Amino acid sequence: MEFQAKRGQPGRRGEVNMNGDLRVEEMFPDHALPMSDIAQPAATALRAVLLAGDLTGRSVLVVGGGPIGQLCCRLARHFGVRRVWLSEPSCQRRSYAEASQIDRVFDPSLDGAELEGLNVVAVLECSGSEPGIRGALAAARPEGTIVVVDGGRAGLDPLTILVMELRVQGCFTYVDKFTEVISLLTGSGLPHCPSGWPRQRHSRCRSSCSEHVRPSC
């Protein structure tokens, strides 16, 4: 399968909230999401995981179980993370845990104390919400890393970051990761998403994968 990503402009996700307008689609004939639907969130997730550094044999918390959060879990496992945890308030999105190779899911409205005690090396914040970001700060260990994937920045308490000596990394572009992520998706490195995964509703993002992916989508 040919897949080319245009690199004429830096890709940014500000135009569409990938973690918001989601639904569970009916089963596709090939039991997988089309490449045109999965390439952009997968490239964003890949960049987020790589920005967190070498996580081999370590534990990671992903906050937010939308498409990008679910893909972060899967990619983290692919790159050798020992334990993958997900914090997500929606029971529907938590139900994808097995497909996303997640060790345990947390409901932040019920499991706040446990989340604060995780003491993880890295947190990938994919919810874009203030409660999610505050939860990410609480779950990170001293000198840990928090990657904030787009979304809002409310909740990033400067004093907590300084006292805990945290490294906070923004993740806003993705177009430079298309080549690598397409290799993972078309090869055996990262299996396609199973039927029933959360899928973005916006049909204009489903451009023909034989032509290009729109970075601004």
N, C-alpha and C. Protein backbone atom coordinates (compact mmCIF):
# COMPACT_ATOMS: atom_id res chain seq x y z
N MET A 1 0.85 -1.20 0.00
CA MET A 1 0.00 0.00 0.00
C MET A 1 0.87 1.24 0.00
N GLU A 2 0.62 2.13 -0.94
CA GLU A 2 1.37 3.38 -1.00
C GLU A 2 0.72 4.39 -0.08
N PHE A 3 1.56 5.14 0.61
CA PHE A 3 1.02 6.19 1.48
C PHE A 3 2.04 7.30 1.52
N GLN A 4 1.63 8.48 1.09
CA GLN A 4 2.54 9.61 1.05
C GLN A 4 1.99 10.73 1.90
N ALA A 5 2.82 11.31 2.71
CA ALA A 5 2.42 12.46 3.53
C ALA A 5 3.04 13.72 2.97
N LYS A 6 2.25 14.71 2.69
CA LYS A 6 2.78 15.98 2.23
C LYS A 6 3.43 16.72 3.38
N ARG A 7 4.59 17.29 3.14
CA ARG A 7 5.34 17.97 4.18
C ARG A 7 5.42 19.47 3.93
N GLY A 8 4.52 20.02 3.20
CA GLY A 8 4.60 21.42 2.84
C GLY A 8 4.36 22.37 3.99
N GLN A 9 3.68 21.91 5.04
CA GLN A 9 3.41 22.79 6.17
C GLN A 9 3.45 21.97 7.44
N PRO A 10 3.80 22.60 8.54
CA PRO A 10 3.84 21.85 9.80
C PRO A 10 2.46 21.41 10.21
N GLY A 11 2.33 20.14 10.58
CA GLY A 11 1.03 19.62 10.99
C GLY A 11 0.67 20.10 12.38
N ARG A 12 -0.55 20.54 12.52
CA ARG A 12 -1.04 20.96 13.84
C ARG A 12 -2.46 20.44 14.00
N ARG A 13 -2.82 20.17 15.26
CA ARG A 13 -4.10 19.57 15.53
C ARG A 13 -5.10 20.55 16.12
N GLY A 14 -4.84 21.83 16.03
CA GLY A 14 -5.71 22.80 16.69
C GLY A 14 -7.09 22.91 16.08
N GLU A 15 -7.24 22.50 14.80
CA GLU A 15 -8.50 22.73 14.12
C GLU A 15 -9.59 21.77 14.58
N VAL A 16 -9.22 20.56 14.96
CA VAL A 16 -10.19 19.55 15.37
C VAL A 16 -9.75 18.94 16.68
N ASN A 17 -10.65 18.84 17.65
CA ASN A 17 -10.34 18.18 18.91
C ASN A 17 -10.49 16.68 18.74
N MET A 18 -9.37 15.98 18.57
CA MET A 18 -9.41 14.55 18.29
C MET A 18 -9.96 13.76 19.47
N ASN A 19 -9.94 14.31 20.66
CA ASN A 19 -10.38 13.58 21.84
C ASN A 19 -11.85 13.82 22.15
N GLY A 20 -12.53 14.59 21.30
CA GLY A 20 -13.88 14.98 21.64
C GLY A 20 -14.96 14.19 20.93
N ASP A 21 -15.23 14.53 19.67
CA ASP A 21 -16.40 14.03 18.97
C ASP A 21 -16.16 12.62 18.46
N LEU A 22 -16.40 11.63 19.30
CA LEU A 22 -16.08 10.24 18.96
C LEU A 22 -17.32 9.38 18.99
N ARG A 23 -17.27 8.26 18.29
CA ARG A 23 -18.34 7.27 18.35
C ARG A 23 -17.76 5.89 18.08
N VAL A 24 -18.50 4.88 18.41
CA VAL A 24 -18.10 3.52 18.09
C VAL A 24 -18.78 3.13 16.79
N GLU A 25 -17.98 2.85 15.76
CA GLU A 25 -18.51 2.52 14.44
C GLU A 25 -18.86 1.04 14.34
N GLU A 26 -19.66 0.71 13.34
CA GLU A 26 -19.96 -0.69 13.07
C GLU A 26 -18.72 -1.38 12.51
N MET A 27 -18.74 -2.68 12.52
CA MET A 27 -17.59 -3.45 12.07
C MET A 27 -17.29 -3.20 10.60
N PHE A 28 -16.01 -3.00 10.30
CA PHE A 28 -15.57 -2.86 8.92
C PHE A 28 -15.34 -4.24 8.32
N PRO A 29 -15.42 -4.36 7.00
CA PRO A 29 -15.23 -5.67 6.39
C PRO A 29 -13.90 -6.33 6.73
N ASP A 30 -12.83 -5.51 6.89
CA ASP A 30 -11.51 -6.08 7.20
C ASP A 30 -11.21 -6.04 8.69
N HIS A 31 -12.23 -5.73 9.51
CA HIS A 31 -12.08 -5.72 10.97
C HIS A 31 -11.01 -4.73 11.43
N ALA A 32 -10.78 -3.69 10.68
CA ALA A 32 -9.78 -2.69 11.07
C ALA A 32 -10.20 -1.34 10.56
N LEU A 33 -9.71 -0.29 11.20
CA LEU A 33 -9.99 1.06 10.72
C LEU A 33 -9.22 1.32 9.44
N PRO A 34 -9.80 2.10 8.49
CA PRO A 34 -9.07 2.45 7.28
C PRO A 34 -7.79 3.22 7.63
N MET A 35 -6.77 3.05 6.80
CA MET A 35 -5.50 3.72 7.03
C MET A 35 -5.67 5.23 7.08
N SER A 36 -6.58 5.77 6.24
CA SER A 36 -6.76 7.22 6.20
C SER A 36 -7.32 7.75 7.51
N ASP A 37 -8.03 6.92 8.27
CA ASP A 37 -8.57 7.35 9.56
C ASP A 37 -7.54 7.28 10.68
N ILE A 38 -6.64 6.35 10.60
CA ILE A 38 -5.76 6.07 11.73
C ILE A 38 -4.40 6.74 11.62
N ALA A 39 -3.99 7.17 10.41
CA ALA A 39 -2.62 7.67 10.23
C ALA A 39 -2.32 8.91 11.05
N GLN A 40 -3.22 9.90 11.04
CA GLN A 40 -2.94 11.15 11.74
C GLN A 40 -2.87 10.96 13.26
N PRO A 41 -3.89 10.35 13.90
CA PRO A 41 -3.76 10.14 15.35
C PRO A 41 -2.59 9.23 15.71
N ALA A 42 -2.28 8.28 14.84
CA ALA A 42 -1.14 7.38 15.12
C ALA A 42 0.18 8.15 15.07
N ALA A 43 0.31 9.07 14.12
CA ALA A 43 1.53 9.87 14.03
C ALA A 43 1.67 10.79 15.25
N THR A 44 0.56 11.35 15.69
CA THR A 44 0.58 12.19 16.88
C THR A 44 0.97 11.37 18.11
N ALA A 45 0.38 10.18 18.24
CA ALA A 45 0.69 9.31 19.37
C ALA A 45 2.15 8.88 19.35
N LEU A 46 2.66 8.57 18.17
CA LEU A 46 4.06 8.15 18.05
C LEU A 46 4.99 9.27 18.53
N ARG A 47 4.71 10.48 18.12
CA ARG A 47 5.56 11.60 18.55
C ARG A 47 5.50 11.77 20.06
N ALA A 48 4.32 11.63 20.64
CA ALA A 48 4.17 11.78 22.09
C ALA A 48 4.98 10.73 22.83
N VAL A 49 4.90 9.48 22.39
CA VAL A 49 5.64 8.40 23.05
C VAL A 49 7.14 8.61 22.93
N LEU A 50 7.60 9.02 21.77
CA LEU A 50 9.04 9.22 21.57
C LEU A 50 9.55 10.41 22.38
N LEU A 51 8.72 11.44 22.54
CA LEU A 51 9.14 12.61 23.33
C LEU A 51 9.33 12.26 24.80
N ALA A 52 8.69 11.19 25.25
CA ALA A 52 8.82 10.79 26.65
C ALA A 52 10.17 10.14 26.95
N GLY A 53 10.94 9.83 25.92
CA GLY A 53 12.26 9.25 26.13
C GLY A 53 12.24 7.72 26.14
N ASP A 54 13.34 7.14 26.55
CA ASP A 54 13.46 5.68 26.59
C ASP A 54 12.67 5.14 27.79
N LEU A 55 11.61 4.43 27.50
CA LEU A 55 10.73 3.92 28.55
C LEU A 55 10.80 2.40 28.67
N THR A 56 11.80 1.80 28.09
CA THR A 56 11.93 0.34 28.11
C THR A 56 11.94 -0.19 29.53
N GLY A 57 11.04 -1.12 29.81
CA GLY A 57 10.99 -1.75 31.12
C GLY A 57 10.38 -0.89 32.22
N ARG A 58 9.81 0.25 31.86
CA ARG A 58 9.26 1.15 32.86
C ARG A 58 7.73 1.18 32.80
N SER A 59 7.13 2.02 33.62
CA SER A 59 5.68 2.15 33.68
C SER A 59 5.26 3.52 33.16
N VAL A 60 4.13 3.54 32.45
CA VAL A 60 3.63 4.77 31.84
C VAL A 60 2.14 4.89 32.12
N LEU A 61 1.72 6.10 32.43
CA LEU A 61 0.30 6.40 32.56
C LEU A 61 -0.14 7.25 31.38
N VAL A 62 -1.21 6.83 30.72
CA VAL A 62 -1.82 7.63 29.66
C VAL A 62 -3.12 8.20 30.21
N VAL A 63 -3.28 9.52 30.10
CA VAL A 63 -4.49 10.18 30.59
C VAL A 63 -5.35 10.55 29.39
N GLY A 64 -6.53 9.98 29.31
CA GLY A 64 -7.43 10.23 28.18
C GLY A 64 -7.45 9.06 27.23
N GLY A 65 -8.61 8.44 27.05
CA GLY A 65 -8.71 7.23 26.24
C GLY A 65 -9.38 7.42 24.90
N GLY A 66 -9.20 8.60 24.27
CA GLY A 66 -9.66 8.80 22.90
C GLY A 66 -8.73 8.07 21.93
N PRO A 67 -8.86 8.29 20.61
CA PRO A 67 -8.02 7.60 19.64
C PRO A 67 -6.53 7.76 19.91
N ILE A 68 -6.09 8.99 20.21
CA ILE A 68 -4.66 9.22 20.41
C ILE A 68 -4.20 8.56 21.71
N GLY A 69 -5.00 8.65 22.75
CA GLY A 69 -4.63 8.00 24.01
C GLY A 69 -4.53 6.49 23.86
N GLN A 70 -5.49 5.88 23.18
CA GLN A 70 -5.45 4.44 22.96
C GLN A 70 -4.22 4.03 22.15
N LEU A 71 -3.90 4.82 21.14
CA LEU A 71 -2.72 4.53 20.32
C LEU A 71 -1.43 4.74 21.11
N CYS A 72 -1.41 5.72 22.00
CA CYS A 72 -0.24 5.90 22.87
C CYS A 72 0.00 4.65 23.70
N CYS A 73 -1.07 4.07 24.22
CA CYS A 73 -0.93 2.84 25.01
C CYS A 73 -0.32 1.74 24.18
N ARG A 74 -0.81 1.58 22.97
CA ARG A 74 -0.33 0.50 22.10
C ARG A 74 1.12 0.72 21.68
N LEU A 75 1.45 1.96 21.35
CA LEU A 75 2.81 2.26 20.95
C LEU A 75 3.78 2.15 22.11
N ALA A 76 3.34 2.56 23.29
CA ALA A 76 4.20 2.41 24.47
C ALA A 76 4.55 0.94 24.68
N ARG A 77 3.57 0.08 24.54
CA ARG A 77 3.83 -1.36 24.67
C ARG A 77 4.78 -1.84 23.57
N HIS A 78 4.59 -1.34 22.37
CA HIS A 78 5.47 -1.72 21.25
C HIS A 78 6.92 -1.36 21.53
N PHE A 79 7.13 -0.22 22.20
CA PHE A 79 8.49 0.24 22.48
C PHE A 79 9.03 -0.29 23.82
N GLY A 80 8.40 -1.29 24.38
CA GLY A 80 9.00 -1.99 25.51
C GLY A 80 8.60 -1.54 26.89
N VAL A 81 7.53 -0.73 27.00
CA VAL A 81 7.07 -0.33 28.33
C VAL A 81 6.55 -1.57 29.07
N ARG A 82 6.93 -1.68 30.34
CA ARG A 82 6.56 -2.88 31.11
C ARG A 82 5.12 -2.84 31.56
N ARG A 83 4.67 -1.68 32.06
CA ARG A 83 3.28 -1.54 32.51
C ARG A 83 2.67 -0.31 31.88
N VAL A 84 1.49 -0.48 31.30
CA VAL A 84 0.76 0.61 30.67
C VAL A 84 -0.55 0.80 31.41
N TRP A 85 -0.75 1.99 31.94
CA TRP A 85 -1.97 2.31 32.67
C TRP A 85 -2.72 3.42 31.93
N LEU A 86 -4.04 3.39 32.06
CA LEU A 86 -4.89 4.40 31.42
C LEU A 86 -5.86 4.99 32.42
N SER A 87 -5.94 6.32 32.45
CA SER A 87 -6.93 7.03 33.25
C SER A 87 -7.97 7.60 32.30
N GLU A 88 -9.22 7.17 32.46
CA GLU A 88 -10.28 7.58 31.54
C GLU A 88 -11.64 7.50 32.25
N PRO A 89 -12.40 8.61 32.29
CA PRO A 89 -13.70 8.60 32.99
C PRO A 89 -14.80 7.85 32.26
N SER A 90 -14.68 7.69 30.94
CA SER A 90 -15.73 7.03 30.16
C SER A 90 -15.60 5.51 30.23
N CYS A 91 -16.66 4.84 30.69
CA CYS A 91 -16.60 3.37 30.76
C CYS A 91 -16.52 2.77 29.37
N GLN A 92 -17.09 3.43 28.37
CA GLN A 92 -17.03 2.93 27.00
C GLN A 92 -15.58 2.91 26.51
N ARG A 93 -14.86 3.99 26.75
CA ARG A 93 -13.47 4.03 26.30
C ARG A 93 -12.58 3.12 27.14
N ARG A 94 -12.91 2.95 28.40
CA ARG A 94 -12.14 2.01 29.23
C ARG A 94 -12.30 0.57 28.74
N SER A 95 -13.40 0.30 28.04
CA SER A 95 -13.66 -1.06 27.58
C SER A 95 -12.70 -1.51 26.48
N TYR A 96 -11.91 -0.57 25.90
CA TYR A 96 -10.94 -0.93 24.87
C TYR A 96 -9.59 -1.34 25.45
N ALA A 97 -9.53 -1.51 26.75
CA ALA A 97 -8.24 -1.77 27.42
C ALA A 97 -7.54 -2.99 26.86
N GLU A 98 -8.26 -4.08 26.69
CA GLU A 98 -7.60 -5.30 26.20
C GLU A 98 -7.06 -5.11 24.80
N ALA A 99 -7.85 -4.48 23.92
CA ALA A 99 -7.40 -4.25 22.55
C ALA A 99 -6.18 -3.34 22.51
N SER A 100 -6.09 -2.41 23.45
CA SER A 100 -4.97 -1.47 23.48
C SER A 100 -3.80 -1.96 24.34
N GLN A 101 -3.88 -3.19 24.82
CA GLN A 101 -2.80 -3.82 25.58
C GLN A 101 -2.48 -3.04 26.86
N ILE A 102 -3.54 -2.63 27.53
CA ILE A 102 -3.42 -1.86 28.77
C ILE A 102 -3.47 -2.82 29.96
N ASP A 103 -2.58 -2.62 30.93
CA ASP A 103 -2.55 -3.48 32.11
C ASP A 103 -3.68 -3.18 33.07
N ARG A 104 -3.99 -1.89 33.22
CA ARG A 104 -5.08 -1.53 34.12
C ARG A 104 -5.64 -0.17 33.74
N VAL A 105 -6.96 -0.05 33.87
CA VAL A 105 -7.61 1.24 33.62
C VAL A 105 -8.12 1.80 34.95
N PHE A 106 -8.10 3.13 35.04
CA PHE A 106 -8.56 3.83 36.23
C PHE A 106 -9.68 4.78 35.85
N ASP A 107 -10.68 4.86 36.69
CA ASP A 107 -11.71 5.88 36.58
C ASP A 107 -11.28 7.01 37.51
N PRO A 108 -10.86 8.16 36.97
CA PRO A 108 -10.33 9.22 37.84
C PRO A 108 -11.33 9.75 38.86
N SER A 109 -12.62 9.56 38.59
CA SER A 109 -13.62 10.03 39.55
C SER A 109 -13.71 9.11 40.77
N LEU A 110 -13.20 7.89 40.64
CA LEU A 110 -13.25 6.92 41.74
C LEU A 110 -11.87 6.51 42.25
N ASP A 111 -10.88 6.56 41.37
CA ASP A 111 -9.56 6.02 41.69
C ASP A 111 -8.49 7.10 41.84
N GLY A 112 -8.91 8.30 42.26
CA GLY A 112 -7.97 9.41 42.36
C GLY A 112 -6.80 9.14 43.27
N ALA A 113 -7.04 8.52 44.43
CA ALA A 113 -5.97 8.24 45.38
C ALA A 113 -4.96 7.27 44.79
N GLU A 114 -5.43 6.25 44.09
CA GLU A 114 -4.52 5.28 43.48
C GLU A 114 -3.70 5.91 42.37
N LEU A 115 -4.33 6.78 41.60
CA LEU A 115 -3.60 7.46 40.54
C LEU A 115 -2.48 8.32 41.10
N GLU A 116 -2.76 9.02 42.19
CA GLU A 116 -1.74 9.87 42.80
C GLU A 116 -0.57 9.06 43.36
N GLY A 117 -0.82 7.80 43.67
CA GLY A 117 0.24 6.97 44.22
C GLY A 117 1.01 6.16 43.20
N LEU A 118 0.74 6.36 41.92
CA LEU A 118 1.42 5.56 40.89
C LEU A 118 2.91 5.87 40.81
N ASN A 119 3.27 7.15 40.92
CA ASN A 119 4.69 7.52 40.93
C ASN A 119 5.39 7.06 39.65
N VAL A 120 4.80 7.36 38.50
CA VAL A 120 5.30 6.86 37.23
C VAL A 120 6.41 7.74 36.65
N VAL A 121 7.23 7.12 35.82
CA VAL A 121 8.32 7.82 35.16
C VAL A 121 7.79 8.82 34.13
N ALA A 122 6.73 8.43 33.43
CA ALA A 122 6.21 9.30 32.38
C ALA A 122 4.69 9.24 32.34
N VAL A 123 4.10 10.40 32.06
CA VAL A 123 2.66 10.51 31.87
C VAL A 123 2.42 11.15 30.51
N LEU A 124 1.58 10.52 29.70
CA LEU A 124 1.18 11.08 28.41
C LEU A 124 -0.23 11.63 28.57
N GLU A 125 -0.35 12.95 28.60
CA GLU A 125 -1.63 13.60 28.87
C GLU A 125 -2.32 13.87 27.54
N CYS A 126 -3.36 13.09 27.26
CA CYS A 126 -4.05 13.18 25.97
C CYS A 126 -5.50 13.64 26.10
N SER A 127 -5.91 14.07 27.28
CA SER A 127 -7.31 14.48 27.45
C SER A 127 -7.53 15.94 27.10
N GLY A 128 -6.50 16.76 27.26
CA GLY A 128 -6.64 18.18 26.99
C GLY A 128 -7.50 18.90 28.01
N SER A 129 -7.76 18.27 29.15
CA SER A 129 -8.63 18.87 30.16
C SER A 129 -7.82 19.27 31.38
N GLU A 130 -8.33 20.26 32.12
CA GLU A 130 -7.64 20.68 33.33
C GLU A 130 -7.57 19.57 34.37
N PRO A 131 -8.66 18.82 34.63
CA PRO A 131 -8.54 17.71 35.59
C PRO A 131 -7.54 16.67 35.15
N GLY A 132 -7.48 16.41 33.83
CA GLY A 132 -6.51 15.44 33.33
C GLY A 132 -5.08 15.88 33.56
N ILE A 133 -4.82 17.16 33.31
CA ILE A 133 -3.46 17.68 33.50
C ILE A 133 -3.08 17.70 34.98
N ARG A 134 -4.02 18.06 35.83
CA ARG A 134 -3.74 18.04 37.27
C ARG A 134 -3.47 16.59 37.73
N GLY A 135 -4.23 15.66 37.18
CA GLY A 135 -4.00 14.26 37.51
C GLY A 135 -2.65 13.77 37.04
N ALA A 136 -2.22 14.26 35.88
CA ALA A 136 -0.90 13.88 35.36
C ALA A 136 0.21 14.35 36.28
N LEU A 137 0.10 15.58 36.77
CA LEU A 137 1.10 16.10 37.71
C LEU A 137 1.14 15.27 38.99
N ALA A 138 -0.04 14.87 39.47
CA ALA A 138 -0.12 14.13 40.72
C ALA A 138 0.44 12.72 40.59
N ALA A 139 0.33 12.12 39.39
CA ALA A 139 0.75 10.73 39.20
C ALA A 139 2.24 10.58 38.88
N ALA A 140 2.88 11.67 38.47
CA ALA A 140 4.29 11.59 38.06
C ALA A 140 5.21 11.53 39.27
N ARG A 141 6.31 10.85 39.12
CA ARG A 141 7.30 10.78 40.19
C ARG A 141 8.22 12.00 40.11
N PRO A 142 8.96 12.31 41.16
CA PRO A 142 9.94 13.41 41.07
C PRO A 142 10.91 13.17 39.93
N GLU A 143 11.22 14.23 39.18
CA GLU A 143 12.08 14.19 38.01
C GLU A 143 11.47 13.38 36.87
N GLY A 144 10.16 13.17 36.92
CA GLY A 144 9.48 12.45 35.85
C GLY A 144 9.18 13.36 34.66
N THR A 145 8.57 12.76 33.64
CA THR A 145 8.27 13.47 32.41
C THR A 145 6.77 13.47 32.15
N ILE A 146 6.25 14.62 31.76
CA ILE A 146 4.85 14.73 31.36
C ILE A 146 4.81 15.28 29.94
N VAL A 147 4.20 14.54 29.04
CA VAL A 147 4.02 15.00 27.66
C VAL A 147 2.56 15.43 27.50
N VAL A 148 2.36 16.71 27.20
CA VAL A 148 1.02 17.25 27.04
C VAL A 148 0.70 17.30 25.55
N VAL A 149 -0.25 16.48 25.13
CA VAL A 149 -0.60 16.37 23.72
C VAL A 149 -1.72 17.34 23.39
N ASP A 150 -1.35 18.46 22.75
CA ASP A 150 -2.30 19.49 22.36
C ASP A 150 -3.20 19.86 23.53
N GLY A 151 -4.45 20.16 23.28
CA GLY A 151 -5.40 20.49 24.35
C GLY A 151 -5.02 21.76 25.11
N GLY A 152 -5.75 21.99 26.18
CA GLY A 152 -5.49 23.17 27.00
C GLY A 152 -4.31 22.96 27.93
N ARG A 153 -3.82 24.04 28.47
CA ARG A 153 -2.69 23.98 29.38
C ARG A 153 -3.08 24.35 30.79
N ALA A 154 -4.34 24.63 31.07
CA ALA A 154 -4.77 24.93 32.42
C ALA A 154 -4.53 23.71 33.30
N GLY A 155 -4.00 23.96 34.48
CA GLY A 155 -3.71 22.85 35.39
C GLY A 155 -2.23 22.58 35.56
N LEU A 156 -1.40 23.17 34.70
CA LEU A 156 0.05 23.00 34.82
C LEU A 156 0.57 23.94 35.90
N ASP A 157 0.52 23.51 37.13
CA ASP A 157 0.92 24.34 38.27
C ASP A 157 2.43 24.52 38.30
N PRO A 158 2.93 25.74 38.13
CA PRO A 158 4.37 25.97 38.06
C PRO A 158 5.11 25.53 39.32
N LEU A 159 4.52 25.75 40.50
CA LEU A 159 5.20 25.40 41.73
C LEU A 159 5.38 23.89 41.84
N THR A 160 4.35 23.13 41.49
CA THR A 160 4.47 21.67 41.52
C THR A 160 5.55 21.20 40.57
N ILE A 161 5.59 21.78 39.38
CA ILE A 161 6.60 21.40 38.39
C ILE A 161 8.00 21.69 38.90
N LEU A 162 8.19 22.84 39.55
CA LEU A 162 9.51 23.20 40.06
C LEU A 162 9.92 22.33 41.24
N VAL A 163 9.03 22.17 42.20
CA VAL A 163 9.36 21.40 43.40
C VAL A 163 9.62 19.93 43.06
N MET A 164 8.82 19.38 42.15
CA MET A 164 8.99 17.97 41.76
C MET A 164 10.07 17.79 40.70
N GLU A 165 10.59 18.90 40.20
CA GLU A 165 11.62 18.87 39.15
C GLU A 165 11.16 18.06 37.95
N LEU A 166 9.93 18.34 37.53
CA LEU A 166 9.34 17.62 36.42
C LEU A 166 9.78 18.20 35.08
N ARG A 167 9.84 17.36 34.09
CA ARG A 167 10.08 17.82 32.71
C ARG A 167 8.75 17.78 31.98
N VAL A 168 8.25 18.93 31.58
CA VAL A 168 6.97 19.03 30.87
C VAL A 168 7.24 19.34 29.41
N GLN A 169 6.77 18.46 28.54
CA GLN A 169 7.05 18.56 27.11
C GLN A 169 5.74 18.70 26.34
N GLY A 170 5.63 19.73 25.51
CA GLY A 170 4.46 19.87 24.66
C GLY A 170 4.58 19.00 23.42
N CYS A 171 3.45 18.56 22.90
CA CYS A 171 3.43 17.75 21.68
C CYS A 171 2.32 18.30 20.79
N PHE A 172 2.71 19.06 19.77
CA PHE A 172 1.73 19.75 18.95
C PHE A 172 1.84 19.45 17.45
N THR A 173 2.92 18.90 17.00
CA THR A 173 3.08 18.59 15.57
C THR A 173 3.21 17.09 15.39
N TYR A 174 2.99 16.65 14.16
CA TYR A 174 3.04 15.21 13.91
C TYR A 174 3.49 14.84 12.50
N VAL A 175 3.52 15.79 11.58
CA VAL A 175 3.72 15.45 10.18
C VAL A 175 5.07 14.76 9.93
N ASP A 176 6.07 15.04 10.77
CA ASP A 176 7.39 14.43 10.56
C ASP A 176 7.41 12.96 10.98
N LYS A 177 6.32 12.45 11.56
CA LYS A 177 6.28 11.06 12.00
C LYS A 177 5.48 10.16 11.06
N PHE A 178 4.94 10.72 9.96
CA PHE A 178 4.11 9.92 9.07
C PHE A 178 4.87 8.73 8.49
N THR A 179 6.09 8.96 8.01
CA THR A 179 6.83 7.87 7.38
C THR A 179 7.04 6.71 8.35
N GLU A 180 7.43 7.04 9.57
CA GLU A 180 7.70 5.99 10.55
C GLU A 180 6.42 5.28 10.97
N VAL A 181 5.35 6.03 11.17
CA VAL A 181 4.13 5.40 11.65
C VAL A 181 3.46 4.56 10.56
N ILE A 182 3.57 4.99 9.30
CA ILE A 182 3.01 4.19 8.22
C ILE A 182 3.75 2.87 8.10
N SER A 183 5.06 2.91 8.32
CA SER A 183 5.84 1.67 8.32
C SER A 183 5.36 0.73 9.41
N LEU A 184 5.04 1.28 10.58
CA LEU A 184 4.53 0.44 11.67
C LEU A 184 3.15 -0.12 11.36
N LEU A 185 2.30 0.72 10.77
CA LEU A 185 0.93 0.31 10.51
C LEU A 185 0.81 -0.70 9.37
N THR A 186 1.66 -0.55 8.35
CA THR A 186 1.58 -1.45 7.20
C THR A 186 2.41 -2.70 7.39
N GLY A 187 3.34 -2.67 8.35
CA GLY A 187 4.13 -3.85 8.64
C GLY A 187 3.55 -4.61 9.81
N SER A 188 4.40 -5.33 10.50
CA SER A 188 3.95 -6.13 11.63
C SER A 188 4.24 -5.45 12.96
N GLY A 189 4.80 -4.22 12.91
CA GLY A 189 5.19 -3.56 14.15
C GLY A 189 4.03 -3.13 15.02
N LEU A 190 2.95 -2.65 14.41
CA LEU A 190 1.81 -2.16 15.17
C LEU A 190 0.54 -2.66 14.49
N PRO A 191 -0.11 -3.69 15.04
CA PRO A 191 -1.34 -4.22 14.43
C PRO A 191 -2.39 -3.14 14.29
N HIS A 192 -3.22 -3.29 13.26
CA HIS A 192 -4.30 -2.33 13.04
C HIS A 192 -5.26 -2.34 14.21
N CYS A 193 -5.96 -1.23 14.39
CA CYS A 193 -6.94 -1.13 15.47
C CYS A 193 -8.09 -2.09 15.21
N PRO A 194 -8.57 -2.74 16.24
CA PRO A 194 -9.66 -3.70 16.06
C PRO A 194 -11.00 -3.01 15.83
N SER A 195 -11.95 -3.78 15.35
CA SER A 195 -13.29 -3.26 15.19
C SER A 195 -13.83 -2.78 16.53
N GLY A 196 -14.56 -1.65 16.50
CA GLY A 196 -15.15 -1.15 17.73
C GLY A 196 -14.33 -0.10 18.43
N TRP A 197 -13.11 0.21 17.92
CA TRP A 197 -12.30 1.25 18.54
C TRP A 197 -12.97 2.60 18.36
N PRO A 198 -12.67 3.58 19.26
CA PRO A 198 -13.20 4.92 19.03
C PRO A 198 -12.66 5.48 17.73
N ARG A 199 -13.54 6.10 16.98
CA ARG A 199 -13.17 6.61 15.66
C ARG A 199 -13.65 8.04 15.54
N GLN A 200 -12.86 8.89 14.92
CA GLN A 200 -13.27 10.28 14.80
C GLN A 200 -14.42 10.40 13.81
N ARG A 201 -15.31 11.34 14.10
CA ARG A 201 -16.54 11.47 13.34
C ARG A 201 -16.35 12.28 12.06
N HIS A 202 -15.31 13.08 11.99
CA HIS A 202 -15.21 14.08 10.93
C HIS A 202 -14.81 13.43 9.60
N SER A 203 -15.75 13.38 8.66
CA SER A 203 -15.51 12.68 7.40
C SER A 203 -14.46 13.36 6.56
N ARG A 204 -14.25 14.67 6.74
CA ARG A 204 -13.27 15.37 5.91
C ARG A 204 -11.85 14.95 6.21
N CYS A 205 -11.64 14.24 7.34
CA CYS A 205 -10.31 13.76 7.66
C CYS A 205 -9.99 12.46 6.95
N ARG A 206 -10.98 11.87 6.24
CA ARG A 206 -10.78 10.56 5.64
C ARG A 206 -10.35 10.70 4.19
N SER A 207 -9.26 11.37 3.94
CA SER A 207 -8.77 11.55 2.59
C SER A 207 -8.17 10.25 2.09
N SER A 208 -8.08 10.12 0.79
CA SER A 208 -7.56 8.89 0.20
C SER A 208 -6.11 8.70 0.60
N CYS A 209 -5.81 7.54 1.19
CA CYS A 209 -4.46 7.32 1.69
C CYS A 209 -3.48 7.06 0.56
N SER A 210 -3.97 6.87 -0.67
CA SER A 210 -3.05 6.71 -1.79
C SER A 210 -2.56 8.05 -2.29
N GLU A 211 -3.17 9.15 -1.78
CA GLU A 211 -2.77 10.48 -2.22
C GLU A 211 -2.01 11.22 -1.13
N HIS A 212 -2.68 11.53 -0.04
CA HIS A 212 -2.01 12.28 1.02
C HIS A 212 -2.88 12.31 2.26
N VAL A 213 -2.28 12.78 3.34
CA VAL A 213 -3.02 13.10 4.56
C VAL A 213 -2.91 14.59 4.78
N ARG A 214 -4.01 15.22 5.11
CA ARG A 214 -3.99 16.67 5.30
C ARG A 214 -3.47 17.00 6.69
N PRO A 215 -2.28 17.58 6.79
CA PRO A 215 -1.72 17.86 8.12
C PRO A 215 -2.59 18.78 8.96
N SER A 216 -3.39 19.66 8.36
CA SER A 216 -4.17 20.61 9.12
C SER A 216 -5.48 20.01 9.63
N CYS A 217 -5.77 18.78 9.28
CA CYS A 217 -7.06 18.16 9.57
C CYS A 217 -7.27 17.92 11.05
